Protein backbone atom coordinates (compact mmCIF):
# COMPACT_ATOMS: atom_id res chain seq x y z
CA MET A 1 -105.94 18.97 -19.76
CA ALA A 2 -103.26 16.59 -21.04
CA GLU A 3 -105.70 15.23 -23.62
CA HIS A 4 -105.90 18.50 -25.59
CA PRO A 5 -102.51 18.20 -27.33
CA SER A 6 -103.34 14.61 -28.24
CA PHE A 7 -106.70 15.54 -29.79
CA THR A 8 -105.11 18.50 -31.59
CA LEU A 9 -102.35 16.33 -33.04
CA ALA A 10 -104.95 13.74 -34.06
CA GLY A 11 -106.79 16.32 -36.15
CA LEU A 12 -103.65 17.89 -37.60
CA LEU A 13 -102.14 14.56 -38.62
CA ALA A 14 -105.36 13.33 -40.21
CA VAL A 15 -105.73 16.55 -42.20
CA GLY A 16 -102.03 16.62 -43.08
CA GLY A 17 -102.00 13.01 -44.24
CA SER A 18 -105.08 13.63 -46.38
CA ALA A 19 -103.54 16.78 -47.85
CA GLY A 20 -100.32 14.91 -48.62
CA TYR A 21 -102.32 12.27 -50.43
CA LEU A 22 -104.35 14.79 -52.42
CA ARG A 23 -101.27 16.81 -53.37
CA THR A 24 -98.86 14.03 -54.32
CA ARG A 25 -101.01 10.87 -54.36
CA SER A 26 -98.82 9.52 -51.58
CA THR A 27 -100.64 6.56 -50.06
CA PRO A 28 -98.07 6.26 -47.23
CA SER A 29 -98.86 9.85 -46.21
CA LEU A 30 -102.56 9.06 -46.06
CA VAL A 31 -102.12 5.81 -44.13
CA ALA A 32 -99.58 7.28 -41.69
CA GLY A 33 -101.55 10.49 -41.14
CA ILE A 34 -104.87 8.75 -40.57
CA GLY A 35 -103.33 5.90 -38.59
CA LEU A 36 -101.30 8.09 -36.27
CA GLY A 37 -104.22 10.52 -35.98
CA VAL A 38 -106.53 7.71 -34.85
CA SER A 39 -103.90 6.51 -32.38
CA TYR A 40 -103.51 10.02 -30.94
CA ALA A 41 -107.30 10.34 -30.68
CA TYR A 42 -107.47 7.03 -28.80
CA ALA A 43 -104.67 8.17 -26.48
CA GLY A 44 -106.54 11.44 -25.86
CA TYR A 45 -109.70 9.50 -25.07
CA ARG A 46 -107.83 7.28 -22.60
CA ILE A 47 -106.27 10.33 -20.95
CA LYS A 48 -109.61 12.10 -20.71
CA GLN A 49 -111.28 9.02 -19.19
CA ASN A 50 -108.35 8.71 -16.74
CA GLN A 51 -107.59 5.21 -18.03
CA ASP A 52 -104.21 3.52 -17.83
CA TYR A 53 -101.54 3.98 -20.50
CA GLY A 54 -103.07 6.99 -22.27
CA THR A 55 -100.04 9.22 -21.77
CA GLU A 56 -97.69 6.35 -22.58
CA LEU A 57 -99.51 5.76 -25.85
CA ALA A 58 -99.36 9.47 -26.67
CA MET A 59 -95.62 9.48 -25.90
CA GLY A 60 -95.11 6.44 -28.14
CA ASN A 61 -97.01 8.19 -30.93
CA SER A 62 -94.83 11.25 -30.46
CA LEU A 63 -91.66 9.18 -30.70
CA LEU A 64 -93.01 7.52 -33.83
CA LEU A 65 -93.76 10.93 -35.34
CA LEU A 66 -90.27 12.16 -34.50
CA GLY A 67 -88.64 8.96 -35.73
CA SER A 68 -90.41 9.16 -39.07
CA ALA A 69 -89.43 12.81 -39.56
CA VAL A 70 -85.69 12.50 -38.89
CA PRO A 71 -84.80 10.48 -42.03
CA ARG A 72 -86.85 12.85 -44.19
CA ILE A 73 -85.11 15.86 -42.66
CA MET A 74 -81.73 14.30 -43.36
CA LYS A 75 -82.74 13.34 -46.90
CA THR A 76 -83.81 16.90 -47.76
CA GLY A 77 -80.90 18.51 -45.95
CA GLY A 78 -83.26 20.35 -43.61
CA ARG A 79 -84.67 22.49 -46.42
CA ALA A 80 -88.17 21.07 -46.74
CA PRO A 81 -90.70 22.69 -44.40
CA VAL A 82 -93.01 19.69 -43.87
CA PRO A 83 -90.39 17.30 -42.42
CA LEU A 84 -89.04 20.12 -40.26
CA ALA A 85 -92.52 20.88 -38.94
CA LEU A 86 -93.16 17.18 -38.25
CA GLY A 87 -89.81 16.87 -36.49
CA ALA A 88 -90.39 19.95 -34.35
CA THR A 89 -93.88 18.75 -33.47
CA GLY A 90 -92.49 15.32 -32.60
CA VAL A 91 -89.82 16.84 -30.34
CA LEU A 92 -92.31 19.07 -28.52
CA ALA A 93 -94.93 16.35 -28.14
CA THR A 94 -92.35 13.82 -26.94
CA TYR A 95 -91.04 16.28 -24.38
CA TYR A 96 -94.56 17.12 -23.17
CA TYR A 97 -95.75 13.54 -22.84
CA GLN A 98 -92.57 12.19 -21.25
CA LYS A 99 -93.01 14.93 -18.66
CA LYS A 100 -96.64 13.84 -18.11
CA VAL A 101 -95.63 10.18 -17.80
CA ARG A 102 -93.05 11.10 -15.16
CA GLU A 103 -95.62 13.23 -13.28
CA PHE A 104 -98.16 10.42 -13.22
CA ARG A 105 -95.68 7.70 -12.28
CA TYR A 106 -93.39 9.48 -9.84
CA GLY A 107 -95.29 12.62 -8.85
CA VAL A 108 -92.42 14.78 -10.08
C-alpha cells in the first residue's frame, strides 16, 4: 500500500515537469519533473517488491521536492500556486514516508 503515493507522485511530477516545459520552455522543469518522477517510480517499485531502502528513497525524494519548493515560495512571496502546491505535496509526502520508515525500522 505504501507504494501507491510514490507511483502517484511519479506520474504527477512527470506530467507537471512536461507541462512546465511546454508552457514556459523551462528545461529545468522538464529535467527535474522527469528525473524526480523516475526516482519516485523506482522507489515505488522497490516498496512493492519489498526490497530494502524503497521507503528511504521515497522520503529522500520528498525532502528534495520540499527543498526545491521552499526557495520558490519565498521568491514569489507565497502568491504563486505551483510552488505552494509543490511545497504542500513535499510536506505531506515527507511526513508520510518518514512515518513509514519509522514503522519499518522500529515497529512504531
